[in-house]
Amino acid sequence: MKTIYTQIYQLAEPYWQTRHGEIHMPLAYAFARQLLPHYPDADEAVVLPAILLHDVGWYAIPGDLQTQALVGSPNSDKNPEISRRHETEGARLAGELLTSLAYNAAKIAEIQRIIDGHDTRREALSINDALVKDADKLWRFDPAGAPICADWNGMEVGPFLDFFESKIETILFTEKAQEMACDLLRQSRALLKEDE
């Protein structure tokens, strides 16, 4: 029997085929699963669906407009309206997809609140929101995600990682995510040295 998270994963996956979502979303999901055991007050039934669905809104935005949004990047946000639109579209789509699974209505509402502001809202609404935000951002440090994010910013990976290393304590809410970011940085830098 499929777990509910497997069902959500399968419903969300077609919406990931843009903006490297097919790489980002499974990584973010894995990061969320690693974070959850360290925060027993967090609700897995909110965090996991929210991370699986947080970027489905990019699917509704044409590719040429997507490149204008660089949320939280060294080059700042070129077009904040587009970043905001992917959040509102994502919250709407998440509601539709979760409703189709007869998911708990109160949890759907919380998931939608988290998605609707996961990039543009600087504070966390709850521990659930903090874990989603952290799981989302950790891919910037990961060996698979850092080169993609650096390329979006027209940067080499080394300087990109240097920039985000200086931001660990300001962009990540939880201590465990900060530890994970440091570990991922070491892995990414080790791979960079191998490529030299």
Protein backbone atom coordinates (compact mmCIF):
# COMPACT_ATOMS: atom_id res chain seq x y z
CA MET A 1 0.00 0.00 0.00
CA LYS A 2 1.29 3.46 -0.91
CA THR A 3 1.87 5.87 1.91
CA ILE A 4 0.16 9.23 1.67
CA TYR A 5 3.55 10.88 1.12
CA THR A 6 4.23 8.60 -1.84
CA GLN A 7 0.87 9.61 -3.28
CA ILE A 8 1.63 13.30 -2.79
CA TYR A 9 5.09 12.82 -4.28
CA GLN A 10 3.59 11.20 -7.38
CA LEU A 11 0.96 13.93 -7.76
CA ALA A 12 3.56 16.68 -7.34
CA GLU A 13 6.29 15.24 -9.57
CA PRO A 14 4.84 16.34 -12.93
CA TYR A 15 4.96 19.96 -11.69
CA TRP A 16 8.69 19.71 -10.94
CA GLN A 17 9.76 19.57 -14.58
CA THR A 18 10.84 23.20 -14.64
CA ARG A 19 13.55 25.27 -12.98
CA HIS A 20 15.49 22.10 -12.08
CA GLY A 21 12.66 21.04 -9.79
CA GLU A 22 13.33 17.40 -10.66
CA ILE A 23 16.65 17.80 -8.78
CA HIS A 24 15.63 20.35 -6.16
CA MET A 25 12.42 18.77 -4.87
CA PRO A 26 13.74 15.26 -4.09
CA LEU A 27 16.75 16.86 -2.37
CA ALA A 28 14.53 19.19 -0.33
CA TYR A 29 12.28 16.26 0.60
CA ALA A 30 15.31 14.25 1.78
CA PHE A 31 16.53 17.24 3.81
CA ALA A 32 13.10 17.64 5.45
CA ARG A 33 13.09 13.95 6.38
CA GLN A 34 16.55 14.37 7.95
CA LEU A 35 15.47 17.43 9.92
CA LEU A 36 12.18 16.10 11.30
CA PRO A 37 13.57 13.64 13.91
CA HIS A 38 15.45 16.52 15.56
CA TYR A 39 12.28 18.60 16.07
CA PRO A 40 9.59 16.47 17.76
CA ASP A 41 7.19 19.43 17.94
CA ALA A 42 7.08 19.60 14.14
CA ASP A 43 4.23 17.91 12.29
CA GLU A 44 5.45 15.54 9.59
CA ALA A 45 1.95 15.58 8.07
CA VAL A 46 2.43 19.30 7.36
CA VAL A 47 6.17 19.49 6.68
CA LEU A 48 6.47 16.66 4.14
CA PRO A 49 3.52 17.64 1.92
CA ALA A 50 4.59 21.31 2.11
CA ILE A 51 8.13 20.56 0.97
CA LEU A 52 6.91 18.28 -1.83
CA LEU A 53 4.55 20.98 -3.07
CA HIS A 54 6.32 24.23 -2.18
CA ASP A 55 7.58 24.99 -5.72
CA VAL A 56 4.81 23.51 -7.87
CA GLY A 57 3.75 27.10 -8.65
CA TRP A 58 6.74 27.55 -10.99
CA TYR A 59 4.90 25.26 -13.38
CA ALA A 60 2.30 28.01 -13.95
CA ILE A 61 4.95 30.61 -14.88
CA PRO A 62 6.49 30.75 -18.36
CA GLY A 63 10.17 29.76 -18.47
CA ASP A 64 11.35 33.14 -19.77
CA LEU A 65 9.81 34.82 -16.72
CA GLN A 66 11.21 32.26 -14.27
CA THR A 67 14.75 33.42 -14.97
CA GLN A 68 13.81 36.87 -13.70
CA ALA A 69 13.29 35.55 -10.18
CA LEU A 70 16.36 34.90 -8.06
CA VAL A 71 14.98 34.69 -4.55
CA GLY A 72 17.61 35.02 -1.84
CA SER A 73 20.47 35.04 -4.30
CA PRO A 74 23.67 37.09 -4.20
CA ASN A 75 22.25 39.13 -7.06
CA SER A 76 19.01 39.70 -5.14
CA ASP A 77 15.56 39.34 -6.59
CA LYS A 78 15.33 40.81 -10.07
CA ASN A 79 11.55 40.52 -10.22
CA PRO A 80 9.87 39.99 -6.85
CA GLU A 81 6.39 39.86 -8.40
CA ILE A 82 7.29 36.64 -10.19
CA SER A 83 8.71 35.10 -7.03
CA ARG A 84 5.52 36.05 -5.24
CA ARG A 85 3.38 34.60 -8.02
CA HIS A 86 5.03 31.17 -7.77
CA GLU A 87 4.09 31.14 -4.09
CA THR A 88 0.45 32.04 -4.63
CA GLU A 89 0.12 29.63 -7.57
CA GLY A 90 1.86 26.95 -5.52
CA ALA A 91 -0.49 27.41 -2.57
CA ARG A 92 -3.49 27.16 -4.90
CA LEU A 93 -2.19 24.04 -6.65
CA ALA A 94 -1.21 22.41 -3.36
CA GLY A 95 -4.75 22.91 -2.10
CA GLU A 96 -6.19 21.30 -5.21
CA LEU A 97 -3.82 18.33 -5.16
CA LEU A 98 -4.23 17.64 -1.45
CA THR A 99 -8.00 18.01 -1.63
CA SER A 100 -8.04 15.40 -4.41
CA LEU A 101 -6.50 12.99 -1.86
CA ALA A 102 -9.08 13.94 0.81
CA TYR A 103 -6.24 15.24 2.98
CA ASN A 104 -7.07 16.81 6.34
CA ALA A 105 -8.55 20.28 5.70
CA ALA A 106 -6.81 21.99 8.63
CA LYS A 107 -3.45 20.60 7.51
CA ILE A 108 -4.12 21.72 3.92
CA ALA A 109 -4.74 25.25 5.20
CA GLU A 110 -1.47 25.26 7.15
CA ILE A 111 0.46 23.82 4.20
CA GLN A 112 -0.97 26.54 1.94
CA ARG A 113 0.04 29.26 4.44
CA ILE A 114 3.58 27.89 4.49
CA ILE A 115 3.86 27.67 0.70
CA ASP A 116 2.34 31.14 0.29
CA GLY A 117 5.44 32.96 1.54
CA HIS A 118 8.09 30.25 1.73
CA ASP A 119 10.59 32.43 -0.19
CA THR A 120 9.42 36.00 0.29
CA ARG A 121 8.43 35.86 3.97
CA ARG A 122 11.61 36.33 6.01
CA GLU A 123 10.30 35.01 9.32
CA ALA A 124 9.01 31.51 10.09
CA LEU A 125 5.39 31.17 11.14
CA SER A 126 6.05 27.97 13.12
CA ILE A 127 8.51 25.13 13.50
CA ASN A 128 6.79 23.48 10.53
CA ASP A 129 7.42 26.55 8.40
CA ALA A 130 11.02 26.79 9.65
CA LEU A 131 11.75 23.21 8.61
CA VAL A 132 10.23 23.74 5.16
CA LYS A 133 12.23 26.93 4.68
CA ASP A 134 15.43 25.22 5.82
CA ALA A 135 14.91 22.09 3.70
CA ASP A 136 14.25 24.33 0.70
CA LYS A 137 17.44 26.37 1.15
CA LEU A 138 19.83 23.52 1.92
CA TRP A 139 20.15 22.56 -1.74
CA ARG A 140 22.18 25.75 -2.28
CA PHE A 141 24.99 24.07 -0.30
CA ASP A 142 24.59 20.59 -1.81
CA PRO A 143 27.01 19.29 -4.48
CA ALA A 144 24.07 18.77 -6.87
CA GLY A 145 22.30 22.07 -6.16
CA ALA A 146 25.15 24.56 -5.72
CA PRO A 147 26.30 24.48 -9.38
CA ILE A 148 22.73 25.09 -10.59
CA CYS A 149 22.17 27.98 -8.19
CA ALA A 150 25.59 29.45 -9.00
CA ASP A 151 24.83 29.29 -12.72
CA TRP A 152 21.51 31.09 -12.21
CA ASN A 153 23.51 33.89 -10.63
CA GLY A 154 26.24 33.95 -13.27
CA MET A 155 28.81 32.91 -10.66
CA GLU A 156 31.45 30.24 -10.26
CA VAL A 157 30.55 27.65 -7.64
CA GLY A 158 33.38 28.58 -5.25
CA PRO A 159 32.40 32.24 -4.79
CA PHE A 160 28.73 31.22 -4.64
CA LEU A 161 29.46 28.82 -1.78
CA ASP A 162 31.56 31.48 -0.04
CA PHE A 163 28.64 33.88 -0.21
CA PHE A 164 26.17 31.40 1.26
CA GLU A 165 28.60 30.22 3.92
CA SER A 166 28.52 33.78 5.25
CA LYS A 167 24.69 33.60 5.35
CA ILE A 168 24.18 30.26 7.12
CA GLU A 169 23.09 31.76 10.43
CA THR A 170 20.85 34.37 8.83
CA ILE A 171 19.01 32.25 6.25
CA LEU A 172 18.63 28.94 8.14
CA PHE A 173 16.31 28.86 11.14
CA THR A 174 17.28 25.62 12.86
CA GLU A 175 20.54 24.53 14.41
CA LYS A 176 20.39 21.15 12.69
CA ALA A 177 19.96 22.77 9.25
CA GLN A 178 22.97 24.98 9.97
CA GLU A 179 25.02 21.86 10.82
CA MET A 180 23.81 20.16 7.66
CA ALA A 181 24.74 23.21 5.58
CA CYS A 182 28.30 23.08 6.94
CA ASP A 183 28.55 19.37 6.10
CA LEU A 184 27.18 19.98 2.59
CA LEU A 185 29.63 22.84 2.09
CA ARG A 186 32.54 20.53 2.93
CA GLN A 187 31.26 17.96 0.43
CA SER A 188 30.77 20.56 -2.29
CA ARG A 189 34.23 22.06 -1.75
CA ALA A 190 35.86 18.62 -1.76
CA LEU A 191 34.28 17.94 -5.15
CA LEU A 192 35.45 21.32 -6.42
CA LYS A 193 39.03 20.46 -5.46
CA GLU A 194 38.75 17.12 -7.27
CA ASP A 195 37.64 18.97 -10.43
CA GLU A 196 40.60 21.37 -10.36
